[in-house]
Amino acid sequence: MFWIAWNTREAPRSAEALDPNAAKVYAQIFHSLLDQGIALAPSAFEIAFLSLAHTRRDIDRLAEGLRAALAAVAAQTQ
């Protein structure tokens, strides 16, 4: 199980600590991943699961997809 805390440097310890703009960032990343054929939960505040059914190739594909999505978001904000 994993969750990425968007727009924060520290792990949030309460709902109040969540950045309200995180959903906007996540929406861009979600759609970029979806365009690459990688599906995550549609909400920025849901968790994701890895299991033994996922192969090393699946995990590497997610990592590469995230890398590309984050680069695209960074390029848009500059």
N, C-alpha and C. Protein backbone atom coordinates (compact mmCIF):
# COMPACT_ATOMS: atom_id res chain seq x y z
N MET A 1 0.84 -1.15 0.00
CA MET A 1 0.00 0.00 0.00
C MET A 1 0.90 1.24 0.00
N PHE A 2 0.52 2.24 -0.80
CA PHE A 2 1.27 3.48 -0.81
C PHE A 2 0.36 4.66 -1.13
N TRP A 3 0.82 5.83 -0.76
CA TRP A 3 0.12 7.07 -1.05
C TRP A 3 1.16 8.15 -1.21
N ILE A 4 0.97 9.01 -2.17
CA ILE A 4 1.90 10.11 -2.39
C ILE A 4 1.25 11.39 -1.88
N ALA A 5 1.91 12.07 -0.97
CA ALA A 5 1.42 13.34 -0.44
C ALA A 5 1.91 14.45 -1.38
N TRP A 6 1.02 15.02 -2.15
CA TRP A 6 1.37 16.03 -3.14
C TRP A 6 1.51 17.40 -2.47
N ASN A 7 2.44 18.20 -2.97
CA ASN A 7 2.65 19.58 -2.52
C ASN A 7 3.05 19.68 -1.06
N THR A 8 3.82 18.77 -0.55
CA THR A 8 4.24 18.84 0.84
C THR A 8 5.66 18.30 0.96
N ARG A 9 6.36 18.77 1.94
CA ARG A 9 7.70 18.26 2.20
C ARG A 9 7.69 17.24 3.33
N GLU A 10 6.64 17.26 4.13
CA GLU A 10 6.53 16.33 5.24
C GLU A 10 5.23 15.53 5.11
N ALA A 11 5.25 14.33 5.63
CA ALA A 11 4.04 13.50 5.60
C ALA A 11 2.95 14.15 6.45
N PRO A 12 1.77 14.38 5.87
CA PRO A 12 0.69 14.96 6.65
C PRO A 12 0.21 13.98 7.71
N ARG A 13 -0.11 14.50 8.87
CA ARG A 13 -0.57 13.66 9.99
C ARG A 13 -2.05 13.85 10.29
N SER A 14 -2.72 14.72 9.52
CA SER A 14 -4.15 14.94 9.70
C SER A 14 -4.74 15.46 8.39
N ALA A 15 -6.05 15.40 8.27
CA ALA A 15 -6.71 15.89 7.06
C ALA A 15 -6.48 17.39 6.89
N GLU A 16 -6.39 18.10 7.99
CA GLU A 16 -6.17 19.55 7.93
C GLU A 16 -4.80 19.89 7.35
N ALA A 17 -3.85 18.98 7.44
CA ALA A 17 -2.51 19.23 6.94
C ALA A 17 -2.39 19.02 5.42
N LEU A 18 -3.42 18.50 4.80
CA LEU A 18 -3.39 18.26 3.36
C LEU A 18 -3.49 19.57 2.60
N ASP A 19 -2.70 19.71 1.56
CA ASP A 19 -2.73 20.91 0.73
C ASP A 19 -3.97 20.86 -0.16
N PRO A 20 -4.83 21.87 -0.10
CA PRO A 20 -6.05 21.85 -0.92
C PRO A 20 -5.75 21.89 -2.42
N ASN A 21 -4.56 22.35 -2.81
CA ASN A 21 -4.20 22.38 -4.23
C ASN A 21 -3.65 21.05 -4.73
N ALA A 22 -3.48 20.10 -3.83
CA ALA A 22 -2.92 18.80 -4.21
C ALA A 22 -3.78 18.11 -5.27
N ALA A 23 -5.08 18.27 -5.18
CA ALA A 23 -5.96 17.61 -6.15
C ALA A 23 -5.72 18.13 -7.57
N LYS A 24 -5.39 19.40 -7.71
CA LYS A 24 -5.11 19.97 -9.03
C LYS A 24 -3.84 19.36 -9.62
N VAL A 25 -2.82 19.24 -8.81
CA VAL A 25 -1.57 18.62 -9.26
C VAL A 25 -1.81 17.16 -9.62
N TYR A 26 -2.52 16.46 -8.73
CA TYR A 26 -2.78 15.04 -8.96
C TYR A 26 -3.58 14.83 -10.24
N ALA A 27 -4.54 15.71 -10.52
CA ALA A 27 -5.35 15.55 -11.74
C ALA A 27 -4.47 15.54 -12.98
N GLN A 28 -3.47 16.41 -13.01
CA GLN A 28 -2.55 16.43 -14.16
C GLN A 28 -1.75 15.14 -14.24
N ILE A 29 -1.28 14.67 -13.11
CA ILE A 29 -0.49 13.44 -13.09
C ILE A 29 -1.36 12.23 -13.43
N PHE A 30 -2.56 12.19 -12.86
CA PHE A 30 -3.50 11.11 -13.13
C PHE A 30 -3.76 10.99 -14.62
N HIS A 31 -4.07 12.11 -15.28
CA HIS A 31 -4.39 12.06 -16.71
C HIS A 31 -3.17 11.73 -17.56
N SER A 32 -2.01 12.21 -17.16
CA SER A 32 -0.79 11.84 -17.88
C SER A 32 -0.54 10.34 -17.79
N LEU A 33 -0.68 9.78 -16.60
CA LEU A 33 -0.50 8.33 -16.44
C LEU A 33 -1.55 7.56 -17.23
N LEU A 34 -2.79 8.03 -17.18
CA LEU A 34 -3.86 7.36 -17.91
C LEU A 34 -3.57 7.36 -19.41
N ASP A 35 -3.04 8.48 -19.92
CA ASP A 35 -2.66 8.54 -21.34
C ASP A 35 -1.57 7.54 -21.68
N GLN A 36 -0.77 7.17 -20.67
CA GLN A 36 0.30 6.19 -20.86
C GLN A 36 -0.19 4.75 -20.59
N GLY A 37 -1.48 4.59 -20.31
CA GLY A 37 -2.04 3.26 -20.06
C GLY A 37 -1.86 2.79 -18.62
N ILE A 38 -1.60 3.72 -17.71
CA ILE A 38 -1.41 3.38 -16.29
C ILE A 38 -2.57 3.96 -15.51
N ALA A 39 -3.32 3.12 -14.82
CA ALA A 39 -4.49 3.57 -14.09
C ALA A 39 -4.23 3.59 -12.59
N LEU A 40 -4.47 4.74 -11.98
CA LEU A 40 -4.45 4.89 -10.53
C LEU A 40 -5.83 5.34 -10.10
N ALA A 41 -6.06 5.38 -8.81
CA ALA A 41 -7.33 5.87 -8.28
C ALA A 41 -7.54 7.31 -8.75
N PRO A 42 -8.78 7.70 -9.04
CA PRO A 42 -9.02 9.04 -9.57
C PRO A 42 -8.92 10.17 -8.56
N SER A 43 -8.86 9.87 -7.29
CA SER A 43 -8.77 10.91 -6.26
C SER A 43 -7.34 11.05 -5.73
N ALA A 44 -6.94 12.27 -5.47
CA ALA A 44 -5.60 12.52 -4.93
C ALA A 44 -5.45 12.00 -3.51
N PHE A 45 -6.55 11.68 -2.88
CA PHE A 45 -6.50 11.31 -1.47
C PHE A 45 -6.81 9.83 -1.23
N GLU A 46 -6.68 9.01 -2.28
CA GLU A 46 -6.86 7.57 -2.14
C GLU A 46 -5.49 6.89 -2.12
N ILE A 47 -5.46 5.71 -1.57
CA ILE A 47 -4.21 4.95 -1.53
C ILE A 47 -4.14 3.99 -2.72
N ALA A 48 -2.97 3.49 -2.96
CA ALA A 48 -2.76 2.51 -4.03
C ALA A 48 -2.14 1.26 -3.43
N PHE A 49 -2.28 0.17 -4.13
CA PHE A 49 -1.79 -1.11 -3.63
C PHE A 49 -0.85 -1.76 -4.63
N LEU A 50 0.21 -2.34 -4.12
CA LEU A 50 1.07 -3.24 -4.88
C LEU A 50 0.82 -4.63 -4.34
N SER A 51 0.91 -5.62 -5.20
CA SER A 51 0.73 -6.99 -4.74
C SER A 51 1.73 -7.89 -5.45
N LEU A 52 1.72 -9.14 -5.07
CA LEU A 52 2.60 -10.11 -5.71
C LEU A 52 2.22 -10.35 -7.17
N ALA A 53 1.03 -9.90 -7.56
CA ALA A 53 0.62 -10.01 -8.96
C ALA A 53 1.36 -9.01 -9.85
N HIS A 54 1.87 -7.93 -9.25
CA HIS A 54 2.63 -6.94 -10.01
C HIS A 54 4.06 -7.45 -10.21
N THR A 55 4.49 -7.34 -11.45
CA THR A 55 5.85 -7.77 -11.78
C THR A 55 6.82 -6.60 -11.65
N ARG A 56 8.08 -6.91 -11.70
CA ARG A 56 9.11 -5.86 -11.70
C ARG A 56 8.89 -4.93 -12.88
N ARG A 57 8.47 -5.49 -13.99
CA ARG A 57 8.19 -4.69 -15.20
C ARG A 57 7.05 -3.70 -14.93
N ASP A 58 6.00 -4.14 -14.23
CA ASP A 58 4.89 -3.25 -13.87
C ASP A 58 5.38 -2.08 -13.02
N ILE A 59 6.19 -2.38 -12.04
CA ILE A 59 6.69 -1.35 -11.13
C ILE A 59 7.61 -0.38 -11.88
N ASP A 60 8.47 -0.91 -12.73
CA ASP A 60 9.35 -0.05 -13.53
C ASP A 60 8.53 0.83 -14.47
N ARG A 61 7.47 0.29 -15.04
CA ARG A 61 6.60 1.06 -15.94
C ARG A 61 5.92 2.20 -15.18
N LEU A 62 5.46 1.92 -13.96
CA LEU A 62 4.86 2.97 -13.13
C LEU A 62 5.90 4.05 -12.81
N ALA A 63 7.10 3.65 -12.45
CA ALA A 63 8.16 4.61 -12.13
C ALA A 63 8.48 5.50 -13.34
N GLU A 64 8.59 4.90 -14.51
CA GLU A 64 8.87 5.69 -15.72
C GLU A 64 7.70 6.60 -16.05
N GLY A 65 6.49 6.10 -15.88
CA GLY A 65 5.30 6.92 -16.13
C GLY A 65 5.23 8.10 -15.20
N LEU A 66 5.50 7.87 -13.92
CA LEU A 66 5.51 8.96 -12.95
C LEU A 66 6.60 9.98 -13.28
N ARG A 67 7.75 9.49 -13.67
CA ARG A 67 8.86 10.39 -14.03
C ARG A 67 8.42 11.31 -15.17
N ALA A 68 7.81 10.75 -16.20
CA ALA A 68 7.36 11.54 -17.35
C ALA A 68 6.24 12.50 -16.95
N ALA A 69 5.31 12.03 -16.13
CA ALA A 69 4.20 12.88 -15.70
C ALA A 69 4.69 14.04 -14.85
N LEU A 70 5.60 13.79 -13.93
CA LEU A 70 6.14 14.85 -13.09
C LEU A 70 6.94 15.86 -13.90
N ALA A 71 7.66 15.38 -14.91
CA ALA A 71 8.42 16.29 -15.77
C ALA A 71 7.47 17.19 -16.55
N ALA A 72 6.37 16.63 -17.02
CA ALA A 72 5.38 17.42 -17.77
C ALA A 72 4.75 18.48 -16.87
N VAL A 73 4.42 18.12 -15.64
CA VAL A 73 3.84 19.09 -14.71
C VAL A 73 4.85 20.18 -14.39
N ALA A 74 6.09 19.80 -14.17
CA ALA A 74 7.14 20.79 -13.87
C ALA A 74 7.34 21.74 -15.04
N ALA A 75 7.28 21.23 -16.25
CA ALA A 75 7.45 22.08 -17.44
C ALA A 75 6.31 23.08 -17.58
N GLN A 76 5.11 22.70 -17.16
CA GLN A 76 3.95 23.59 -17.25
C GLN A 76 4.01 24.71 -16.22
N THR A 77 4.67 24.47 -15.11
CA THR A 77 4.71 25.47 -14.06
C THR A 77 5.85 26.46 -14.22
N GLN A 78 6.71 26.26 -15.19
CA GLN A 78 7.84 27.17 -15.40
C GLN A 78 7.54 28.20 -16.45
